[in-house]
Amino acid sequence: MAHRSHARRVVVFGATGMTGRRVVDRLVADGVQVRALCRSEPRGFPPEVEIHRGDIRDPTSLVGVGQGMDAAICCVGTRSYFGSNGGAAVDALGTRHLVEALREPAPHFVLLGAFGLDRRSPFLASFSLLLNRYFHWKAEAEAAVRQSGLRYTIVRPVELRERPPRSPPLVNQRAPLSLLRTVSRELVADVLVACAGNPAVHQRTFELCEGGDGPLADQLARLVPDDERPLPEATPLF
């Protein structure tokens, strides 16, 4: 079941990705005014979507990207670890460029983060330097958002899958979730949209999986603000 956005004007970053496109489609279906940041002219977007040509790695291209917007949803990610399209340039520095560009309009910023940032289990520790770099740059992105002064929400889904949801969303801040759990991209898009402009989730970070047994709105309303619980810092690179 799709959830309505509280915001009526939303800019989407990472709009051409697998999750970002679903976010755009849901917002348009909900009658929300949508602006999408794209490096090149996208294909297959609804005609109602306003395109802002730019690149998060180039701060000069982001001028005005958030003007008039109530909320921003960031679905940006990269599969590269190094170079101009690596995690340092995209996740860490790119996110910092975004929050700097949004300081003046100051919309609610919803970040699609990464599951597992605040737990260093033996399972995670056994992985390679590349995985450690991935977590480091994701943690840097979260830190940039928290330090920005913007109203924000950080959503950390478990492993994303291309399939329909098997059960309702489960929002979690407490018991550690299994690293083997997965979640539908469709459900993640629904939750991102439900968070946009929602004051109940301002200054909150939570993990997301499937298996919930209560209304999403009730789960979101029970979330604890970040300043009332411990949060991770960027992990050291070894």
Protein backbone atom coordinates (compact mmCIF):
# COMPACT_ATOMS: atom_id res chain seq x y z
CA MET A 1 0.00 0.00 0.00
CA ALA A 2 1.43 3.38 -1.02
CA HIS A 3 1.71 6.10 1.61
CA ARG A 4 1.00 9.77 0.97
CA SER A 5 3.64 12.45 1.20
CA HIS A 6 3.20 15.25 3.73
CA ALA A 7 5.13 17.56 1.40
CA ARG A 8 3.54 18.93 -1.77
CA ARG A 9 6.74 20.05 -3.53
CA VAL A 10 9.66 17.62 -3.47
CA VAL A 11 13.07 17.52 -5.17
CA VAL A 12 14.51 14.04 -5.74
CA PHE A 13 18.23 13.28 -5.97
CA GLY A 14 19.24 9.99 -7.55
CA ALA A 15 15.95 10.14 -9.43
CA THR A 16 17.09 7.93 -12.32
CA GLY A 17 18.15 5.05 -10.07
CA MET A 18 16.09 1.98 -9.28
CA THR A 19 14.74 3.37 -6.02
CA GLY A 20 14.65 7.00 -7.13
CA ARG A 21 12.40 6.28 -10.10
CA ARG A 22 9.92 4.56 -7.83
CA VAL A 23 9.97 7.58 -5.52
CA VAL A 24 9.29 9.92 -8.44
CA ASP A 25 6.41 7.77 -9.71
CA ARG A 26 4.78 7.64 -6.26
CA LEU A 27 5.08 11.37 -5.73
CA VAL A 28 3.57 12.15 -9.13
CA ALA A 29 0.72 9.70 -8.52
CA ASP A 30 0.07 11.51 -5.23
CA GLY A 31 -0.23 14.85 -7.02
CA VAL A 32 3.04 16.20 -5.62
CA GLN A 33 5.04 18.76 -7.61
CA VAL A 34 8.31 16.95 -8.39
CA ARG A 35 11.72 18.24 -9.42
CA ALA A 36 14.42 15.73 -10.34
CA LEU A 37 18.16 16.36 -10.42
CA CYS A 38 19.60 14.61 -13.48
CA ARG A 39 23.01 14.69 -15.13
CA SER A 40 21.45 14.19 -18.56
CA GLU A 41 17.96 14.25 -20.04
CA PRO A 42 16.16 11.25 -18.51
CA ARG A 43 13.88 8.86 -20.36
CA GLY A 44 10.57 7.56 -19.13
CA PHE A 45 9.75 10.23 -16.58
CA PRO A 46 6.15 11.46 -16.33
CA PRO A 47 5.73 14.78 -18.18
CA GLU A 48 4.80 16.52 -14.93
CA VAL A 49 8.35 16.15 -13.57
CA GLU A 50 10.55 19.25 -13.70
CA ILE A 51 14.15 18.43 -14.62
CA HIS A 52 17.08 20.27 -13.05
CA ARG A 53 20.27 19.44 -14.95
CA GLY A 54 23.16 19.05 -12.57
CA ASP A 55 25.61 16.76 -10.81
CA ILE A 56 26.03 16.42 -7.05
CA ARG A 57 29.80 16.37 -7.55
CA ASP A 58 29.62 19.89 -9.03
CA PRO A 59 28.25 22.39 -6.49
CA THR A 60 27.89 25.13 -9.11
CA SER A 61 25.28 23.01 -10.90
CA LEU A 62 23.13 22.79 -7.76
CA VAL A 63 22.28 26.48 -7.47
CA GLY A 64 18.50 26.82 -7.09
CA VAL A 65 17.86 23.08 -7.04
CA GLY A 66 15.83 23.30 -3.83
CA GLN A 67 14.14 26.62 -4.47
CA GLY A 68 10.45 26.48 -3.53
CA MET A 69 10.63 22.86 -2.34
CA ASP A 70 9.10 21.56 0.90
CA ALA A 71 11.25 18.43 1.04
CA ALA A 72 14.17 16.66 -0.62
CA ILE A 73 14.56 12.90 -0.98
CA CYS A 74 18.10 11.69 -1.62
CA CYS A 75 18.42 8.22 -3.18
CA VAL A 76 21.96 8.79 -4.44
CA GLY A 77 24.38 5.88 -4.38
CA THR A 78 27.30 4.43 -6.27
CA ARG A 79 28.63 0.96 -6.98
CA SER A 80 32.17 2.29 -7.40
CA TYR A 81 34.69 2.53 -4.59
CA PHE A 82 37.31 4.75 -6.18
CA GLY A 83 37.71 7.62 -8.63
CA SER A 84 35.33 10.37 -9.69
CA ASN A 85 32.31 8.10 -9.23
CA GLY A 86 33.45 6.49 -5.99
CA GLY A 87 32.03 6.72 -2.52
CA ALA A 88 34.22 9.65 -1.47
CA ALA A 89 33.06 11.78 -4.41
CA VAL A 90 29.40 10.70 -4.49
CA ASP A 91 28.30 9.63 -1.00
CA ALA A 92 30.51 11.81 1.18
CA LEU A 93 31.36 14.95 -0.80
CA GLY A 94 28.25 14.83 -2.99
CA THR A 95 25.92 14.73 0.00
CA ARG A 96 27.79 17.64 1.55
CA HIS A 97 27.31 19.61 -1.67
CA LEU A 98 23.58 18.88 -1.54
CA VAL A 99 23.01 20.04 2.02
CA GLU A 100 25.06 23.18 1.35
CA ALA A 101 22.91 23.94 -1.71
CA LEU A 102 19.74 23.47 0.36
CA ARG A 103 20.69 25.67 3.32
CA GLU A 104 18.77 28.72 2.12
CA PRO A 105 15.46 27.08 1.12
CA ALA A 106 15.95 24.58 4.00
CA PRO A 107 13.54 21.81 2.95
CA HIS A 108 13.16 18.64 5.01
CA PHE A 109 15.98 16.33 3.85
CA VAL A 110 15.28 12.58 3.67
CA LEU A 111 18.41 10.49 3.11
CA LEU A 112 18.45 6.88 1.92
CA GLY A 113 21.28 5.60 4.09
CA ALA A 114 22.90 2.23 4.73
CA PHE A 115 21.91 -0.56 7.10
CA GLY A 116 24.45 -1.63 9.71
CA LEU A 117 26.43 1.57 10.20
CA ASP A 118 26.23 1.46 13.99
CA ARG A 119 27.17 -2.16 14.51
CA ARG A 120 30.60 -3.69 14.03
CA SER A 121 29.91 -7.39 14.39
CA PRO A 122 32.57 -10.07 13.73
CA PHE A 123 30.63 -10.82 10.54
CA LEU A 124 31.16 -7.29 9.25
CA ALA A 125 34.71 -7.08 10.53
CA SER A 126 35.67 -10.13 8.49
CA PHE A 127 34.91 -8.36 5.23
CA SER A 128 37.41 -6.62 3.00
CA LEU A 129 38.81 -3.11 2.97
CA LEU A 130 36.27 -2.26 0.26
CA LEU A 131 33.31 -2.89 2.57
CA ASN A 132 34.95 -0.80 5.27
CA ARG A 133 35.30 2.05 2.78
CA TYR A 134 31.64 1.70 1.83
CA PHE A 135 30.53 2.11 5.46
CA HIS A 136 32.98 4.96 6.01
CA TRP A 137 31.64 7.06 3.13
CA LYS A 138 28.03 6.30 4.04
CA ALA A 139 28.72 7.41 7.61
CA GLU A 140 30.34 10.59 6.26
CA ALA A 141 27.16 11.28 4.27
CA GLU A 142 25.01 10.84 7.37
CA ALA A 143 27.30 13.14 9.35
CA ALA A 144 27.02 15.83 6.68
CA VAL A 145 23.24 15.69 6.92
CA ARG A 146 23.15 15.78 10.73
CA GLN A 147 25.58 18.70 10.88
CA SER A 148 23.79 20.70 8.19
CA GLY A 149 21.23 22.36 10.43
CA LEU A 150 18.44 21.09 8.16
CA ARG A 151 15.43 19.14 9.34
CA TYR A 152 16.34 15.62 8.32
CA THR A 153 15.38 11.95 8.38
CA ILE A 154 17.76 9.07 7.64
CA VAL A 155 16.29 5.76 6.47
CA ARG A 156 18.59 2.72 6.57
CA PRO A 157 17.07 -0.23 4.70
CA VAL A 158 18.39 -3.76 4.83
CA GLU A 159 19.51 -5.31 1.52
CA LEU A 160 17.37 -3.98 -1.34
CA ARG A 161 15.62 -6.41 -3.68
CA GLU A 162 13.79 -6.08 -6.99
CA ARG A 163 10.51 -7.75 -6.00
CA PRO A 164 7.09 -6.83 -4.63
CA PRO A 165 6.83 -6.43 -0.83
CA ARG A 166 6.04 -9.65 1.02
CA SER A 167 4.78 -7.93 4.16
CA PRO A 168 4.29 -4.41 5.60
CA PRO A 169 7.24 -2.22 6.60
CA LEU A 170 8.96 -2.64 9.96
CA VAL A 171 10.65 0.48 11.36
CA ASN A 172 13.39 -0.30 13.88
CA GLN A 173 15.69 1.64 16.22
CA ARG A 174 16.30 -0.96 18.92
CA ALA A 175 16.98 -4.68 18.48
CA PRO A 176 19.69 -5.44 15.88
CA LEU A 177 18.25 -6.69 12.61
CA SER A 178 19.60 -9.76 10.88
CA LEU A 179 22.11 -9.07 8.12
CA LEU A 180 20.29 -11.70 6.06
CA ARG A 181 17.01 -9.76 5.86
CA THR A 182 15.92 -8.10 2.64
CA VAL A 183 13.41 -5.45 1.65
CA SER A 184 11.57 -4.55 -1.54
CA ARG A 185 12.63 -1.34 -3.29
CA GLU A 186 8.93 -0.62 -3.74
CA LEU A 187 8.40 -0.63 0.02
CA VAL A 188 11.49 1.54 0.57
CA ALA A 189 10.14 4.09 -1.92
CA ASP A 190 6.80 4.10 -0.09
CA VAL A 191 8.49 4.81 3.25
CA LEU A 192 10.71 7.56 1.82
CA VAL A 193 7.64 9.27 0.41
CA ALA A 194 5.77 8.90 3.71
CA CYS A 195 8.67 10.55 5.54
CA ALA A 196 8.96 13.59 3.26
CA GLY A 197 7.68 16.64 5.09
CA ASN A 198 6.49 14.58 8.06
CA PRO A 199 7.34 16.43 11.31
CA ALA A 200 7.04 13.18 13.30
CA VAL A 201 10.32 11.96 11.77
CA HIS A 202 12.42 15.12 11.93
CA GLN A 203 15.93 14.55 13.36
CA ARG A 204 15.45 10.78 13.42
CA THR A 205 17.37 7.80 12.03
CA PHE A 206 15.91 4.31 11.68
CA GLU A 207 16.43 0.98 10.00
CA LEU A 208 13.84 -0.50 7.68
CA CYS A 209 12.88 -4.03 6.73
CA GLU A 210 9.73 -6.04 6.08
CA GLY A 211 7.65 -7.84 8.70
CA GLY A 212 5.75 -5.02 10.37
CA ASP A 213 2.40 -5.68 12.03
CA GLY A 214 1.20 -2.13 12.68
CA PRO A 215 0.41 1.00 10.66
CA LEU A 216 3.50 2.79 9.36
CA ALA A 217 2.30 6.12 10.76
CA ASP A 218 2.17 4.64 14.27
CA GLN A 219 5.66 3.18 13.94
CA LEU A 220 7.08 6.49 12.73
CA ALA A 221 5.41 8.36 15.59
CA ARG A 222 7.26 6.18 18.13
CA LEU A 223 10.74 6.99 16.80
CA VAL A 224 13.24 8.56 19.20
CA PRO A 225 15.16 11.71 18.14
CA ASP A 226 18.85 11.22 17.38
CA ASP A 227 19.98 13.48 20.20
CA GLU A 228 18.36 11.11 22.70
CA ARG A 229 20.29 7.99 21.64
CA PRO A 230 23.87 7.10 20.61
CA LEU A 231 24.79 7.31 16.94
CA PRO A 232 27.87 6.21 14.99
CA GLU A 233 30.70 8.35 13.77
CA ALA A 234 32.48 7.71 10.49
CA THR A 235 34.38 4.44 10.80
CA PRO A 236 38.19 4.54 10.47
CA LEU A 237 39.69 3.17 7.28
CA PHE A 238 42.02 0.26 7.94
